[in-house]
């Protein structure tokens, strides 16, 4: 039995996103993509990606970018070819961060949706095989 709580609100999502992105930015497998190629500004990115996850997990329509957000990923793929190993590592780090911070229905949903998102992105980029669930 775990003493972790479930993802319950925006504050929990913000904590998850900050923990995940701080881990990911220094990761030896994918960190360079976000620091060198995407040049991700966490202060600008975290509120947007937290809106995305709040919309997914709590059906609150706060995320406003819609399908155009995929264009950012297409552009990134032109700079550095995103490979299956990158998506697999992204999933691993995301699931690891969730498991360290939360446990419950919403935490499980976040992990399920992350797998769907990774598969969708790989399929839309077009040159990569589907990733497998972690």
Protein backbone atom coordinates (compact mmCIF):
# COMPACT_ATOMS: atom_id res chain seq x y z
CA UNK A 1 0.00 0.00 0.00
CA UNK A 2 1.26 3.44 -0.87
CA UNK A 3 0.91 6.67 1.05
CA UNK A 4 0.99 8.75 -2.15
CA UNK A 5 -2.09 10.73 -3.07
CA UNK A 6 -3.68 11.00 -6.50
CA UNK A 7 -3.39 13.98 -8.83
CA UNK A 8 -6.23 16.12 -7.50
CA UNK A 9 -5.86 19.65 -8.89
CA UNK A 10 -3.83 22.15 -10.91
CA UNK A 11 -1.26 22.50 -8.14
CA UNK A 12 -0.55 18.77 -8.42
CA UNK A 13 -0.22 19.04 -12.19
CA UNK A 14 2.18 21.96 -11.84
CA UNK A 15 4.30 19.96 -9.38
CA UNK A 16 4.32 16.99 -11.76
CA UNK A 17 5.30 19.11 -14.75
CA UNK A 18 8.11 20.92 -12.94
CA UNK A 19 9.50 17.66 -11.54
CA UNK A 20 9.27 15.92 -14.90
CA UNK A 21 10.77 18.70 -17.01
CA UNK A 22 13.60 19.37 -14.56
CA UNK A 23 14.47 15.67 -14.74
CA UNK A 24 14.08 15.51 -18.49
CA UNK A 25 16.19 18.58 -19.26
CA UNK A 26 19.29 16.95 -17.74
CA UNK A 27 18.61 13.44 -19.00
CA UNK A 28 21.56 12.02 -20.99
CA UNK A 29 19.28 10.43 -23.61
CA UNK A 30 16.82 13.25 -24.40
CA UNK A 31 17.89 16.32 -22.47
CA UNK A 32 19.84 17.73 -25.40
CA UNK A 33 16.67 17.84 -27.51
CA UNK A 34 15.03 20.24 -25.07
CA UNK A 35 18.07 22.31 -24.17
CA UNK A 36 19.94 22.52 -27.49
CA UNK A 37 17.28 22.16 -30.19
CA UNK A 38 13.96 23.20 -28.61
CA UNK A 39 15.71 25.67 -26.28
CA UNK A 40 12.80 25.17 -23.92
CA UNK A 41 12.07 27.97 -21.47
CA UNK A 42 10.44 26.16 -18.56
CA UNK A 43 8.87 29.32 -17.14
CA UNK A 44 7.00 29.82 -20.41
CA UNK A 45 6.40 26.14 -21.22
CA UNK A 46 5.19 24.75 -17.89
CA UNK A 47 1.96 26.83 -17.72
CA UNK A 48 1.07 25.78 -21.29
CA UNK A 49 1.79 22.08 -20.80
CA UNK A 50 0.04 22.15 -17.42
CA UNK A 51 -3.03 23.59 -19.19
CA UNK A 52 -2.82 20.66 -21.61
CA UNK A 53 -2.74 18.09 -18.80
CA UNK A 54 -5.43 19.87 -16.81
CA UNK A 55 -7.68 19.65 -19.87
CA UNK A 56 -6.91 15.95 -20.29
CA UNK A 57 -7.17 14.90 -16.65
CA UNK A 58 -10.01 17.13 -15.45
CA UNK A 59 -11.84 17.99 -18.69
CA UNK A 60 -11.29 21.70 -17.96
CA UNK A 61 -11.04 23.55 -21.29
CA UNK A 62 -8.00 25.63 -20.35
CA UNK A 63 -5.67 24.43 -23.12
CA UNK A 64 -6.17 26.64 -26.16
CA UNK A 65 -3.52 25.58 -28.67
CA UNK A 66 -5.30 22.59 -30.16
CA UNK A 67 -3.89 20.71 -33.15
CA UNK A 68 -1.51 23.54 -34.09
CA UNK A 69 0.72 22.41 -31.22
CA UNK A 70 1.84 19.49 -33.38
CA UNK A 71 3.57 21.95 -35.72
CA UNK A 72 6.11 22.65 -32.97
CA UNK A 73 6.97 18.97 -32.90
CA UNK A 74 7.22 18.76 -36.70
CA UNK A 75 9.63 21.70 -36.65
CA UNK A 76 11.64 20.09 -33.86
CA UNK A 77 11.86 16.85 -35.84
CA UNK A 78 13.38 18.84 -38.74
CA UNK A 79 16.15 20.05 -36.42
CA UNK A 80 16.83 16.69 -34.77
CA UNK A 81 15.28 13.43 -35.92
CA UNK A 82 13.09 12.19 -33.12
CA UNK A 83 13.52 8.46 -32.77
CA UNK A 84 11.65 5.69 -31.01
CA UNK A 85 14.27 5.68 -28.23
CA UNK A 86 13.49 9.36 -27.52
CA UNK A 87 9.78 8.66 -27.11
CA UNK A 88 10.47 5.57 -25.03
CA UNK A 89 12.74 7.58 -22.74
CA UNK A 90 10.18 10.41 -22.52
CA UNK A 91 7.55 7.88 -21.42
CA UNK A 92 9.90 6.24 -18.95
CA UNK A 93 10.77 9.56 -17.29
CA UNK A 94 7.14 10.71 -17.27
CA UNK A 95 5.90 7.47 -15.71
CA UNK A 96 8.77 7.43 -13.22
CA UNK A 97 7.96 10.98 -12.13
CA UNK A 98 4.27 10.17 -11.73
CA UNK A 99 5.05 7.02 -9.73
CA UNK A 100 7.33 8.94 -7.37
CA UNK A 101 4.76 11.67 -6.69
CA UNK A 102 1.26 10.23 -7.14
CA UNK A 103 -0.86 7.10 -7.08
CA UNK A 104 -4.49 6.69 -8.09
CA UNK A 105 -7.00 6.99 -10.88
CA UNK A 106 -5.80 10.30 -12.32
CA UNK A 107 -2.16 9.22 -12.05
CA UNK A 108 -3.04 6.08 -13.99
CA UNK A 109 -4.95 8.12 -16.55
CA UNK A 110 -1.96 10.42 -17.03
CA UNK A 111 0.24 7.40 -17.75
CA UNK A 112 -2.31 5.90 -20.15
CA UNK A 113 -2.72 9.16 -22.01
CA UNK A 114 1.03 9.71 -22.22
CA UNK A 115 1.37 6.42 -24.10
CA UNK A 116 -1.40 7.46 -26.50
CA UNK A 117 0.25 10.85 -27.02
CA UNK A 118 3.64 9.29 -27.74
CA UNK A 119 2.11 6.89 -30.26
CA UNK A 120 0.14 9.68 -31.91
CA UNK A 121 3.17 11.92 -32.19
CA UNK A 122 5.28 9.14 -33.68
CA UNK A 123 2.57 8.31 -36.19
CA UNK A 124 2.12 11.95 -37.17
CA UNK A 125 5.85 12.47 -37.62
CA UNK A 126 5.51 9.54 -39.99
CA UNK A 127 8.90 7.90 -40.08
CA UNK A 128 8.99 6.13 -36.77
CA UNK A 129 7.45 2.91 -35.54
CA UNK A 130 4.89 2.93 -32.76
CA UNK A 131 6.35 3.00 -29.27
CA UNK A 132 5.40 0.27 -26.88
CA UNK A 133 3.84 0.79 -23.50
CA UNK A 134 6.34 0.95 -20.67
